[in-house]
Amino acid sequence: MKKTTKGKSTESNITQQIYNSIDDLPLWNFKKISETKDLKYLLKDENANAKPDEFEKAWSRISEELNQVNGVSDQVQKWVLLRSDLERLYIDYILSKDQSIITEINIKKRQLERMEKQFESEGGNFDEQIASVELFFKFHIDEKNTTVKRFFNYIKLMKKQADHGRRQNKI
């Protein structure tokens, strides 16, 4: 049951403070989360407040949407799951102060670092992806106004057109 405060539900108030969908999450914020691992970039306003579990719920929703819309690669799916696990461990540690969780956090952090180094070496760099889309479509992407969904749709369209071109060349 949702708690209400002066006629507004707490959940809808949180939704107004945190990006919780790829439909409205700016690419710039998504890029910052990917680079810094800091979910504070889900806040729509830097003066807004949210609890750690609210960030985790929003990030999980965003991750699920990316998987559905994008058919994201296995590596990216593993990264998202690992990132979510790490965030949950941080929350568990903050709430319980159980020192045994620190070991799990350190293991997950090392796994995440290795995975991210591999992404960078394989072209997982957002700046390169943005530049590729801009070159392909011959327009500038405003990272603060382009949503994550729109950006990944550009990438899908770019891949489709490239695949179509390769098939035409084989004929």
C-alpha atoms as a PDB file:
ATOM      1  CA  MET A   1       0.000   0.000   0.000  1.00  0.00           C
ATOM      2  CA  LYS A   2       1.283   3.434  -0.907  1.00  0.00           C
ATOM      3  CA  LYS A   3       1.733   6.012   1.798  1.00  0.00           C
ATOM      4  CA  THR A   4       0.038   9.290   1.047  1.00  0.00           C
ATOM      5  CA  THR A   5       1.176  12.707   2.079  1.00  0.00           C
ATOM      6  CA  LYS A   6      -1.238  15.578   1.556  1.00  0.00           C
ATOM      7  CA  GLY A   7      -3.050  13.706  -1.184  1.00  0.00           C
ATOM      8  CA  LYS A   8       0.033  12.637  -3.158  1.00  0.00           C
ATOM      9  CA  SER A   9       1.464   9.160  -3.059  1.00  0.00           C
ATOM     10  CA  THR A  10       5.065   8.763  -1.952  1.00  0.00           C
ATOM     11  CA  GLU A  11       5.765   6.556  -4.978  1.00  0.00           C
ATOM     12  CA  SER A  12       4.642   9.186  -7.482  1.00  0.00           C
ATOM     13  CA  ASN A  13       6.687  11.826  -5.607  1.00  0.00           C
ATOM     14  CA  ILE A  14       9.760   9.602  -5.930  1.00  0.00           C
ATOM     15  CA  THR A  15       9.027   9.072  -9.628  1.00  0.00           C
ATOM     16  CA  GLN A  16       9.072  12.830 -10.041  1.00  0.00           C
ATOM     17  CA  GLN A  17      12.510  13.035  -8.369  1.00  0.00           C
ATOM     18  CA  ILE A  18      14.288  10.070 -10.013  1.00  0.00           C
ATOM     19  CA  TYR A  19      14.618   8.999 -13.633  1.00  0.00           C
ATOM     20  CA  ASN A  20      13.219   5.492 -13.719  1.00  0.00           C
ATOM     21  CA  SER A  21      12.846   4.775 -17.403  1.00  0.00           C
ATOM     22  CA  ILE A  22      14.988   4.864 -20.525  1.00  0.00           C
ATOM     23  CA  ASP A  23      12.158   6.929 -22.016  1.00  0.00           C
ATOM     24  CA  ASP A  24      13.171   9.975 -19.987  1.00  0.00           C
ATOM     25  CA  LEU A  25      16.709   9.257 -18.732  1.00  0.00           C
ATOM     26  CA  PRO A  26      19.119  11.566 -20.591  1.00  0.00           C
ATOM     27  CA  LEU A  27      22.075   9.882 -22.242  1.00  0.00           C
ATOM     28  CA  TRP A  28      24.449  12.162 -20.294  1.00  0.00           C
ATOM     29  CA  ASN A  29      23.127  10.841 -16.963  1.00  0.00           C
ATOM     30  CA  PHE A  30      23.326   7.232 -18.142  1.00  0.00           C
ATOM     31  CA  LYS A  31      26.888   7.817 -19.316  1.00  0.00           C
ATOM     32  CA  LYS A  32      27.821   9.333 -15.927  1.00  0.00           C
ATOM     33  CA  ILE A  33      26.363   6.343 -14.082  1.00  0.00           C
ATOM     34  CA  SER A  34      28.345   4.014 -16.341  1.00  0.00           C
ATOM     35  CA  GLU A  35      31.568   5.966 -15.798  1.00  0.00           C
ATOM     36  CA  THR A  36      31.320   6.695 -12.066  1.00  0.00           C
ATOM     37  CA  LYS A  37      29.080   3.848 -10.847  1.00  0.00           C
ATOM     38  CA  ASP A  38      27.175   6.523  -8.915  1.00  0.00           C
ATOM     39  CA  LEU A  39      23.391   6.242  -9.076  1.00  0.00           C
ATOM     40  CA  LYS A  40      22.988   9.844  -7.866  1.00  0.00           C
ATOM     41  CA  TYR A  41      22.804  10.709 -11.572  1.00  0.00           C
ATOM     42  CA  LEU A  42      19.313   9.218 -11.553  1.00  0.00           C
ATOM     43  CA  LEU A  43      18.175  12.317  -9.671  1.00  0.00           C
ATOM     44  CA  LYS A  44      16.305  14.779 -11.863  1.00  0.00           C
ATOM     45  CA  ASP A  45      17.406  17.615  -9.602  1.00  0.00           C
ATOM     46  CA  GLU A  46      20.633  17.538  -7.598  1.00  0.00           C
ATOM     47  CA  ASN A  47      18.748  18.966  -4.600  1.00  0.00           C
ATOM     48  CA  ALA A  48      16.211  16.138  -4.575  1.00  0.00           C
ATOM     49  CA  ASN A  49      16.428  13.348  -2.011  1.00  0.00           C
ATOM     50  CA  ALA A  50      15.888   9.644  -2.403  1.00  0.00           C
ATOM     51  CA  LYS A  51      16.651   6.543  -0.384  1.00  0.00           C
ATOM     52  CA  PRO A  52      19.267   4.025  -1.608  1.00  0.00           C
ATOM     53  CA  ASP A  53      16.615   1.376  -2.308  1.00  0.00           C
ATOM     54  CA  GLU A  54      14.705   3.870  -4.492  1.00  0.00           C
ATOM     55  CA  PHE A  55      17.808   4.308  -6.636  1.00  0.00           C
ATOM     56  CA  GLU A  56      18.201   0.535  -6.866  1.00  0.00           C
ATOM     57  CA  LYS A  57      14.561   0.043  -7.928  1.00  0.00           C
ATOM     58  CA  ALA A  58      14.850   2.738 -10.588  1.00  0.00           C
ATOM     59  CA  TRP A  59      18.151   1.335 -11.893  1.00  0.00           C
ATOM     60  CA  SER A  60      16.663  -2.171 -12.044  1.00  0.00           C
ATOM     61  CA  ARG A  61      13.692  -0.872 -14.065  1.00  0.00           C
ATOM     62  CA  ILE A  62      16.029   0.951 -16.439  1.00  0.00           C
ATOM     63  CA  SER A  63      18.189  -2.162 -16.840  1.00  0.00           C
ATOM     64  CA  GLU A  64      15.152  -4.309 -17.617  1.00  0.00           C
ATOM     65  CA  GLU A  65      13.913  -1.822 -20.201  1.00  0.00           C
ATOM     66  CA  LEU A  66      17.325  -1.743 -21.875  1.00  0.00           C
ATOM     67  CA  ASN A  67      17.314  -5.513 -22.099  1.00  0.00           C
ATOM     68  CA  GLN A  68      13.802  -5.561 -23.585  1.00  0.00           C
ATOM     69  CA  VAL A  69      14.252  -2.739 -26.065  1.00  0.00           C
ATOM     70  CA  ASN A  70      17.800  -3.397 -27.069  1.00  0.00           C
ATOM     71  CA  GLY A  71      18.319  -7.092 -26.929  1.00  0.00           C
ATOM     72  CA  VAL A  72      21.495  -6.109 -25.127  1.00  0.00           C
ATOM     73  CA  SER A  73      24.493  -8.380 -25.497  1.00  0.00           C
ATOM     74  CA  ASP A  74      25.196 -11.045 -22.911  1.00  0.00           C
ATOM     75  CA  GLN A  75      28.200  -9.081 -21.662  1.00  0.00           C
ATOM     76  CA  VAL A  76      26.147  -5.959 -21.051  1.00  0.00           C
ATOM     77  CA  GLN A  77      23.447  -7.992 -19.321  1.00  0.00           C
ATOM     78  CA  LYS A  78      26.082  -9.524 -17.050  1.00  0.00           C
ATOM     79  CA  TRP A  79      27.473  -6.047 -16.324  1.00  0.00           C
ATOM     80  CA  VAL A  80      24.007  -4.741 -15.409  1.00  0.00           C
ATOM     81  CA  LEU A  81      23.334  -7.715 -13.135  1.00  0.00           C
ATOM     82  CA  LEU A  82      26.741  -7.437 -11.496  1.00  0.00           C
ATOM     83  CA  ARG A  83      26.223  -3.697 -11.001  1.00  0.00           C
ATOM     84  CA  SER A  84      22.819  -4.342  -9.420  1.00  0.00           C
ATOM     85  CA  ASP A  85      24.302  -7.004  -7.137  1.00  0.00           C
ATOM     86  CA  LEU A  86      26.999  -4.579  -6.044  1.00  0.00           C
ATOM     87  CA  GLU A  87      24.456  -1.844  -5.297  1.00  0.00           C
ATOM     88  CA  ARG A  88      22.370  -4.281  -3.247  1.00  0.00           C
ATOM     89  CA  LEU A  89      25.460  -5.285  -1.285  1.00  0.00           C
ATOM     90  CA  TYR A  90      26.255  -1.640  -0.567  1.00  0.00           C
ATOM     91  CA  ILE A  91      22.703  -1.115   0.685  1.00  0.00           C
ATOM     92  CA  ASP A  92      22.875  -4.287   2.801  1.00  0.00           C
ATOM     93  CA  TYR A  93      26.141  -3.117   4.335  1.00  0.00           C
ATOM     94  CA  ILE A  94      24.805   0.380   5.062  1.00  0.00           C
ATOM     95  CA  LEU A  95      21.742  -1.063   6.751  1.00  0.00           C
ATOM     96  CA  SER A  96      23.414  -3.894   8.663  1.00  0.00           C
ATOM     97  CA  LYS A  97      27.054  -2.788   9.102  1.00  0.00           C
ATOM     98  CA  ASP A  98      27.894  -6.484   8.686  1.00  0.00           C
ATOM     99  CA  GLN A  99      31.650  -6.587   7.961  1.00  0.00           C
ATOM    100  CA  SER A 100      31.386  -9.905   6.106  1.00  0.00           C
ATOM    101  CA  ILE A 101      29.597  -8.088   3.291  1.00  0.00           C
ATOM    102  CA  ILE A 102      32.761  -6.061   2.611  1.00  0.00           C
ATOM    103  CA  THR A 103      34.473  -9.160   1.181  1.00  0.00           C
ATOM    104  CA  GLU A 104      31.594  -9.750  -1.226  1.00  0.00           C
ATOM    105  CA  ILE A 105      31.641  -6.069  -2.222  1.00  0.00           C
ATOM    106  CA  ASN A 106      35.364  -6.228  -2.980  1.00  0.00           C
ATOM    107  CA  ILE A 107      34.965  -9.382  -5.086  1.00  0.00           C
ATOM    108  CA  LYS A 108      32.109  -7.844  -7.095  1.00  0.00           C
ATOM    109  CA  LYS A 109      34.047  -4.587  -7.554  1.00  0.00           C
ATOM    110  CA  ARG A 110      37.041  -6.467  -8.989  1.00  0.00           C
ATOM    111  CA  GLN A 111      34.779  -8.442 -11.329  1.00  0.00           C
ATOM    112  CA  LEU A 112      33.120  -5.217 -12.449  1.00  0.00           C
ATOM    113  CA  GLU A 113      36.474  -3.500 -13.045  1.00  0.00           C
ATOM    114  CA  ARG A 114      37.721  -6.404 -15.180  1.00  0.00           C
ATOM    115  CA  MET A 115      34.521  -6.400 -17.185  1.00  0.00           C
ATOM    116  CA  GLU A 116      34.676  -2.641 -17.762  1.00  0.00           C
ATOM    117  CA  LYS A 117      38.303  -2.804 -18.913  1.00  0.00           C
ATOM    118  CA  GLN A 118      37.239  -5.452 -21.388  1.00  0.00           C
ATOM    119  CA  PHE A 119      34.364  -3.219 -22.609  1.00  0.00           C
ATOM    120  CA  GLU A 120      36.737  -0.329 -23.178  1.00  0.00           C
ATOM    121  CA  SER A 121      39.140  -2.485 -25.144  1.00  0.00           C
ATOM    122  CA  GLU A 122      36.235  -3.791 -27.258  1.00  0.00           C
ATOM    123  CA  GLY A 123      34.760  -0.372 -28.062  1.00  0.00           C
ATOM    124  CA  GLY A 124      32.315  -0.035 -25.186  1.00  0.00           C
ATOM    125  CA  ASN A 125      33.338   3.616 -24.865  1.00  0.00           C
ATOM    126  CA  PHE A 126      30.246   5.858 -24.943  1.00  0.00           C
ATOM    127  CA  ASP A 127      32.079   8.766 -26.531  1.00  0.00           C
ATOM    128  CA  GLU A 128      33.125   6.531 -29.415  1.00  0.00           C
ATOM    129  CA  GLN A 129      29.589   5.192 -29.792  1.00  0.00           C
ATOM    130  CA  ILE A 130      28.164   8.715 -29.803  1.00  0.00           C
ATOM    131  CA  ALA A 131      30.723   9.809 -32.386  1.00  0.00           C
ATOM    132  CA  SER A 132      29.891   6.787 -34.551  1.00  0.00           C
ATOM    133  CA  VAL A 133      26.180   7.579 -34.494  1.00  0.00           C
ATOM    134  CA  GLU A 134      26.868  11.245 -35.269  1.00  0.00           C
ATOM    135  CA  LEU A 135      29.104  10.347 -38.213  1.00  0.00           C
ATOM    136  CA  PHE A 136      26.663   7.774 -39.558  1.00  0.00           C
ATOM    137  CA  PHE A 137      23.567  10.005 -39.369  1.00  0.00           C
ATOM    138  CA  LYS A 138      25.436  13.290 -39.901  1.00  0.00           C
ATOM    139  CA  PHE A 139      23.901  15.148 -36.960  1.00  0.00           C
ATOM    140  CA  HIS A 140      24.978  16.142 -33.466  1.00  0.00           C
ATOM    141  CA  ILE A 141      23.645  14.281 -30.433  1.00  0.00           C
ATOM    142  CA  ASP A 142      22.861  16.517 -27.475  1.00  0.00           C
ATOM    143  CA  GLU A 143      23.618  14.130 -24.606  1.00  0.00           C
ATOM    144  CA  LYS A 144      21.581  16.109 -22.083  1.00  0.00           C
ATOM    145  CA  ASN A 145      18.430  16.101 -24.234  1.00  0.00           C
ATOM    146  CA  THR A 146      18.700  12.750 -26.011  1.00  0.00           C
ATOM    147  CA  THR A 147      17.149   9.923 -24.030  1.00  0.00           C
ATOM    148  CA  VAL A 148      18.822   6.557 -23.578  1.00  0.00           C
ATOM    149  CA  LYS A 149      16.012   4.900 -25.516  1.00  0.00           C
ATOM    150  CA  ARG A 150      16.416   7.225 -28.504  1.00  0.00           C
ATOM    151  CA  PHE A 151      20.202   6.768 -28.538  1.00  0.00           C
ATOM    152  CA  PHE A 152      20.009   2.977 -28.500  1.00  0.00           C
ATOM    153  CA  ASN A 153      17.334   3.118 -31.184  1.00  0.00           C
ATOM    154  CA  TYR A 154      19.813   5.103 -33.320  1.00  0.00           C
ATOM    155  CA  ILE A 155      22.378   2.349 -32.774  1.00  0.00           C
ATOM    156  CA  LYS A 156      19.845  -0.347 -33.732  1.00  0.00           C
ATOM    157  CA  LEU A 157      18.886   1.545 -36.871  1.00  0.00           C
ATOM    158  CA  MET A 158      22.541   2.092 -37.749  1.00  0.00           C
ATOM    159  CA  LYS A 159      23.233  -1.650 -37.404  1.00  0.00           C
ATOM    160  CA  LYS A 160      20.160  -2.534 -39.502  1.00  0.00           C
ATOM    161  CA  GLN A 161      21.229  -0.203 -42.276  1.00  0.00           C
ATOM    162  CA  ALA A 162      24.786  -1.536 -42.159  1.00  0.00           C
ATOM    163  CA  ASP A 163      23.509  -5.154 -42.301  1.00  0.00           C
ATOM    164  CA  HIS A 164      21.227  -4.253 -45.190  1.00  0.00           C
ATOM    165  CA  GLY A 165      24.170  -2.690 -47.030  1.00  0.00           C
ATOM    166  CA  ARG A 166      26.295  -5.809 -46.485  1.00  0.00           C
ATOM    167  CA  ARG A 167      23.513  -8.014 -47.861  1.00  0.00           C
ATOM    168  CA  GLN A 168      23.133  -5.760 -50.908  1.00  0.00           C
ATOM    169  CA  ASN A 169      26.870  -6.009 -51.589  1.00  0.00           C
ATOM    170  CA  LYS A 170      26.723  -9.824 -51.577  1.00  0.00           C
ATOM    171  CA  ILE A 171      24.059  -9.912 -54.281  1.00  0.00           C
END
